[in-house]
Amino acid sequence: MELVLFIGPPAAGKSTFYAARFAQTHLRLSLDMLRTRHRETLLVSACLAARQPVVIDNTNPTRAERAVYIDQARASGFGVTGYRFEVPYAQLIARNALRSGRARVPEVAIRATLAKFELPGLDEGFDQLWQVGPDVLGTGFEVLPWPAPGPDEA
């Protein structure tokens, strides 16, 4: 079983990536939908107990925030895969401007998430880490191993 942890600022494409890559195989949990940590905690626990593959679709910018999910997943025998979303700031702002209603967040929220961002590492307990960014055409995603292999490893 697998817990997938998304890591990235608002408007980075996390939910769109979920729809393209995981909607058929993993349940999606997001604070944007659930609105409270209590609901999220209950549902994460239920997914782990039911052996249900799950994607945590939140910003998860700090090691401490990620550790909560990683520790629970590990204790339940789940593998943990992380996806770090790397999108230029100007694109984040442009994407956010296209949103409406509650989906649109204040620009200060994007800046605040970026300000507290800590790079993820395998030492946190991930089995795999990937970097996700816009593809060359800007219409899809490019997914690369994170950290990128050095010249001697490629």
C-alpha atoms as a PDB file:
ATOM      1  CA  MET A   1       0.000   0.000   0.000  1.00  0.00           C
ATOM      2  CA  GLU A   2       1.113   3.534  -0.685  1.00  0.00           C
ATOM      3  CA  LEU A   3       0.689   6.988   0.781  1.00  0.00           C
ATOM      4  CA  VAL A   4       1.569   9.730  -1.696  1.00  0.00           C
ATOM      5  CA  LEU A   5       2.490  13.114  -0.287  1.00  0.00           C
ATOM      6  CA  PHE A   6       2.284  16.208  -2.478  1.00  0.00           C
ATOM      7  CA  ILE A   7       4.656  19.054  -1.598  1.00  0.00           C
ATOM      8  CA  GLY A   8       4.194  22.445  -3.205  1.00  0.00           C
ATOM      9  CA  PRO A   9       2.620  25.888  -3.034  1.00  0.00           C
ATOM     10  CA  PRO A  10      -0.965  26.728  -3.936  1.00  0.00           C
ATOM     11  CA  ALA A  11      -1.600  26.818  -7.717  1.00  0.00           C
ATOM     12  CA  ALA A  12       1.333  24.499  -8.495  1.00  0.00           C
ATOM     13  CA  GLY A  13      -0.941  21.938 -10.179  1.00  0.00           C
ATOM     14  CA  LYS A  14      -1.176  19.377  -7.385  1.00  0.00           C
ATOM     15  CA  SER A  15      -4.883  18.612  -7.788  1.00  0.00           C
ATOM     16  CA  THR A  16      -4.604  18.537 -11.585  1.00  0.00           C
ATOM     17  CA  PHE A  17      -1.664  16.132 -11.294  1.00  0.00           C
ATOM     18  CA  TYR A  18      -3.735  13.927  -8.970  1.00  0.00           C
ATOM     19  CA  ALA A  19      -6.564  13.820 -11.526  1.00  0.00           C
ATOM     20  CA  ALA A  20      -4.144  12.850 -14.300  1.00  0.00           C
ATOM     21  CA  ARG A  21      -2.045  10.293 -12.404  1.00  0.00           C
ATOM     22  CA  PHE A  22      -3.854   8.927  -9.359  1.00  0.00           C
ATOM     23  CA  ALA A  23      -7.635   9.398  -9.619  1.00  0.00           C
ATOM     24  CA  GLN A  24      -8.186   5.779 -10.675  1.00  0.00           C
ATOM     25  CA  THR A  25      -6.017   4.204  -7.971  1.00  0.00           C
ATOM     26  CA  HIS A  26      -5.759   6.464  -4.907  1.00  0.00           C
ATOM     27  CA  LEU A  27      -8.210   8.331  -2.701  1.00  0.00           C
ATOM     28  CA  ARG A  28      -7.475  12.083  -2.488  1.00  0.00           C
ATOM     29  CA  LEU A  29      -7.491  13.875   0.861  1.00  0.00           C
ATOM     30  CA  SER A  30      -7.169  17.642   0.923  1.00  0.00           C
ATOM     31  CA  LEU A  31      -7.647  20.232   3.630  1.00  0.00           C
ATOM     32  CA  ASP A  32      -9.205  22.430   0.945  1.00  0.00           C
ATOM     33  CA  MET A  33     -12.070  19.927   0.772  1.00  0.00           C
ATOM     34  CA  LEU A  34     -12.168  18.677   4.360  1.00  0.00           C
ATOM     35  CA  ARG A  35     -11.735  22.106   5.989  1.00  0.00           C
ATOM     36  CA  THR A  36     -10.466  20.791   9.369  1.00  0.00           C
ATOM     37  CA  ARG A  37      -7.450  18.818  10.571  1.00  0.00           C
ATOM     38  CA  HIS A  38      -9.792  16.694  12.687  1.00  0.00           C
ATOM     39  CA  ARG A  39     -11.666  15.435   9.610  1.00  0.00           C
ATOM     40  CA  GLU A  40      -8.408  14.885   7.786  1.00  0.00           C
ATOM     41  CA  THR A  41      -6.924  12.919  10.697  1.00  0.00           C
ATOM     42  CA  LEU A  42      -9.985  10.669  10.841  1.00  0.00           C
ATOM     43  CA  LEU A  43      -9.870   9.975   7.116  1.00  0.00           C
ATOM     44  CA  VAL A  44      -6.111   9.392   6.967  1.00  0.00           C
ATOM     45  CA  SER A  45      -6.476   6.879   9.805  1.00  0.00           C
ATOM     46  CA  ALA A  46      -9.395   5.206   8.019  1.00  0.00           C
ATOM     47  CA  CYS A  47      -7.431   4.908   4.760  1.00  0.00           C
ATOM     48  CA  LEU A  48      -4.458   3.390   6.536  1.00  0.00           C
ATOM     49  CA  ALA A  49      -6.641   0.950   8.495  1.00  0.00           C
ATOM     50  CA  ALA A  50      -8.520  -0.058   5.333  1.00  0.00           C
ATOM     51  CA  ARG A  51      -5.252  -0.443   3.362  1.00  0.00           C
ATOM     52  CA  GLN A  52      -6.508   2.171   0.903  1.00  0.00           C
ATOM     53  CA  PRO A  53      -3.862   3.907  -1.248  1.00  0.00           C
ATOM     54  CA  VAL A  54      -4.149   7.632  -0.578  1.00  0.00           C
ATOM     55  CA  VAL A  55      -2.798  10.955  -1.849  1.00  0.00           C
ATOM     56  CA  ILE A  56      -2.373  13.810   0.631  1.00  0.00           C
ATOM     57  CA  ASP A  57      -3.024  16.857  -1.546  1.00  0.00           C
ATOM     58  CA  ASN A  58      -1.846  19.691   0.713  1.00  0.00           C
ATOM     59  CA  THR A  59       1.093  22.105   0.519  1.00  0.00           C
ATOM     60  CA  ASN A  60       3.152  20.180   3.143  1.00  0.00           C
ATOM     61  CA  PRO A  61       5.986  22.739   3.050  1.00  0.00           C
ATOM     62  CA  THR A  62       7.893  21.712   6.188  1.00  0.00           C
ATOM     63  CA  ARG A  63       9.545  18.537   7.379  1.00  0.00           C
ATOM     64  CA  ALA A  64       7.434  18.669  10.545  1.00  0.00           C
ATOM     65  CA  GLU A  65       4.176  18.765   8.577  1.00  0.00           C
ATOM     66  CA  ARG A  66       5.304  15.908   6.339  1.00  0.00           C
ATOM     67  CA  ALA A  67       6.486  13.826   9.312  1.00  0.00           C
ATOM     68  CA  VAL A  68       2.928  13.539  10.651  1.00  0.00           C
ATOM     69  CA  TYR A  69       1.828  11.648   7.524  1.00  0.00           C
ATOM     70  CA  ILE A  70       5.071   9.740   6.986  1.00  0.00           C
ATOM     71  CA  ASP A  71       5.142   8.432  10.559  1.00  0.00           C
ATOM     72  CA  GLN A  72       1.517   7.257  10.381  1.00  0.00           C
ATOM     73  CA  ALA A  73       2.062   5.596   7.007  1.00  0.00           C
ATOM     74  CA  ARG A  74       5.223   3.813   8.145  1.00  0.00           C
ATOM     75  CA  ALA A  75       3.523   2.595  11.341  1.00  0.00           C
ATOM     76  CA  SER A  76       0.778   1.107   9.145  1.00  0.00           C
ATOM     77  CA  GLY A  77       3.217  -0.625   6.788  1.00  0.00           C
ATOM     78  CA  PHE A  78       2.629   1.761   3.892  1.00  0.00           C
ATOM     79  CA  GLY A  79       5.276   2.860   1.421  1.00  0.00           C
ATOM     80  CA  VAL A  80       5.638   6.638   1.087  1.00  0.00           C
ATOM     81  CA  THR A  81       6.232   8.499  -2.170  1.00  0.00           C
ATOM     82  CA  GLY A  82       6.712  12.263  -2.333  1.00  0.00           C
ATOM     83  CA  TYR A  83       6.090  14.601  -5.248  1.00  0.00           C
ATOM     84  CA  ARG A  84       7.729  18.032  -5.002  1.00  0.00           C
ATOM     85  CA  PHE A  85       6.035  20.605  -7.244  1.00  0.00           C
ATOM     86  CA  GLU A  86       8.433  23.198  -8.661  1.00  0.00           C
ATOM     87  CA  VAL A  87       6.695  25.978 -10.596  1.00  0.00           C
ATOM     88  CA  PRO A  88       8.062  29.482 -11.279  1.00  0.00           C
ATOM     89  CA  TYR A  89       6.511  32.147  -9.057  1.00  0.00           C
ATOM     90  CA  ALA A  90       5.062  34.084 -12.013  1.00  0.00           C
ATOM     91  CA  GLN A  91       3.239  30.940 -13.161  1.00  0.00           C
ATOM     92  CA  LEU A  92       1.833  30.349  -9.677  1.00  0.00           C
ATOM     93  CA  ILE A  93       0.403  33.869  -9.645  1.00  0.00           C
ATOM     94  CA  ALA A  94      -0.989  33.521 -13.185  1.00  0.00           C
ATOM     95  CA  ARG A  95      -2.599  30.150 -12.419  1.00  0.00           C
ATOM     96  CA  ASN A  96      -4.087  31.464  -9.191  1.00  0.00           C
ATOM     97  CA  ALA A  97      -5.583  34.444 -11.054  1.00  0.00           C
ATOM     98  CA  LEU A  98      -7.511  31.994 -13.256  1.00  0.00           C
ATOM     99  CA  ARG A  99      -9.161  30.414 -10.218  1.00  0.00           C
ATOM    100  CA  SER A 100     -12.480  31.531  -8.812  1.00  0.00           C
ATOM    101  CA  GLY A 101     -14.228  31.349  -5.468  1.00  0.00           C
ATOM    102  CA  ARG A 102     -12.496  29.530  -2.616  1.00  0.00           C
ATOM    103  CA  ALA A 103     -10.008  27.982  -5.041  1.00  0.00           C
ATOM    104  CA  ARG A 104      -8.330  31.370  -5.463  1.00  0.00           C
ATOM    105  CA  VAL A 105      -6.001  32.150  -2.576  1.00  0.00           C
ATOM    106  CA  PRO A 106      -4.534  35.525  -1.586  1.00  0.00           C
ATOM    107  CA  GLU A 107      -1.091  36.076  -3.094  1.00  0.00           C
ATOM    108  CA  VAL A 108       0.248  36.424   0.440  1.00  0.00           C
ATOM    109  CA  ALA A 109      -0.686  32.761   1.053  1.00  0.00           C
ATOM    110  CA  ILE A 110       1.489  31.672  -1.861  1.00  0.00           C
ATOM    111  CA  ARG A 111       4.392  33.796  -0.611  1.00  0.00           C
ATOM    112  CA  ALA A 112       3.960  32.504   2.955  1.00  0.00           C
ATOM    113  CA  THR A 113       4.067  28.874   1.819  1.00  0.00           C
ATOM    114  CA  LEU A 114       7.191  29.523  -0.251  1.00  0.00           C
ATOM    115  CA  ALA A 115       8.845  31.367   2.656  1.00  0.00           C
ATOM    116  CA  LYS A 116       8.574  28.393   5.000  1.00  0.00           C
ATOM    117  CA  PHE A 117       9.332  25.740   2.370  1.00  0.00           C
ATOM    118  CA  GLU A 118      11.931  23.122   3.317  1.00  0.00           C
ATOM    119  CA  LEU A 119      13.327  20.891   0.600  1.00  0.00           C
ATOM    120  CA  PRO A 120      12.235  17.283   1.055  1.00  0.00           C
ATOM    121  CA  GLY A 121      14.762  14.494   1.451  1.00  0.00           C
ATOM    122  CA  LEU A 122      14.769  10.719   1.473  1.00  0.00           C
ATOM    123  CA  ASP A 123      16.009  10.942   5.059  1.00  0.00           C
ATOM    124  CA  GLU A 124      12.471  11.988   6.072  1.00  0.00           C
ATOM    125  CA  GLY A 125      11.251   8.452   5.397  1.00  0.00           C
ATOM    126  CA  PHE A 126      10.254   8.629   1.741  1.00  0.00           C
ATOM    127  CA  ASP A 127      10.798   5.524  -0.381  1.00  0.00           C
ATOM    128  CA  GLN A 128      10.870   7.683  -3.496  1.00  0.00           C
ATOM    129  CA  LEU A 129      10.882  11.394  -4.257  1.00  0.00           C
ATOM    130  CA  TRP A 130       9.945  12.998  -7.548  1.00  0.00           C
ATOM    131  CA  GLN A 131      10.045  16.564  -8.828  1.00  0.00           C
ATOM    132  CA  VAL A 132       7.039  17.715 -10.846  1.00  0.00           C
ATOM    133  CA  GLY A 133       7.024  20.782 -13.043  1.00  0.00           C
ATOM    134  CA  PRO A 134       5.379  22.074 -16.182  1.00  0.00           C
ATOM    135  CA  ASP A 135       6.418  20.256 -19.338  1.00  0.00           C
ATOM    136  CA  VAL A 136       8.131  22.062 -22.204  1.00  0.00           C
ATOM    137  CA  LEU A 137       4.823  22.900 -23.884  1.00  0.00           C
ATOM    138  CA  GLY A 138       3.262  24.062 -20.624  1.00  0.00           C
ATOM    139  CA  THR A 139       0.276  21.770 -21.163  1.00  0.00           C
ATOM    140  CA  GLY A 140       1.240  18.863 -18.950  1.00  0.00           C
ATOM    141  CA  PHE A 141       3.755  17.712 -16.390  1.00  0.00           C
ATOM    142  CA  GLU A 142       7.386  16.693 -16.410  1.00  0.00           C
ATOM    143  CA  VAL A 143       8.243  14.223 -13.650  1.00  0.00           C
ATOM    144  CA  LEU A 144      11.891  13.650 -12.724  1.00  0.00           C
ATOM    145  CA  PRO A 145      13.618  11.819  -9.869  1.00  0.00           C
ATOM    146  CA  TRP A 146      14.372  14.071  -6.893  1.00  0.00           C
ATOM    147  CA  PRO A 147      17.068  14.797  -6.154  1.00  0.00           C
ATOM    148  CA  ALA A 148      18.211  14.582  -9.744  1.00  0.00           C
ATOM    149  CA  PRO A 149      20.955  11.992 -10.221  1.00  0.00           C
ATOM    150  CA  GLY A 150      24.461  13.360 -10.597  1.00  0.00           C
ATOM    151  CA  PRO A 151      26.439  12.917 -13.843  1.00  0.00           C
ATOM    152  CA  ASP A 152      27.998   9.683 -12.557  1.00  0.00           C
ATOM    153  CA  GLU A 153      24.600   8.233 -11.602  1.00  0.00           C
ATOM    154  CA  ALA A 154      22.662   8.946 -14.810  1.00  0.00           C
END
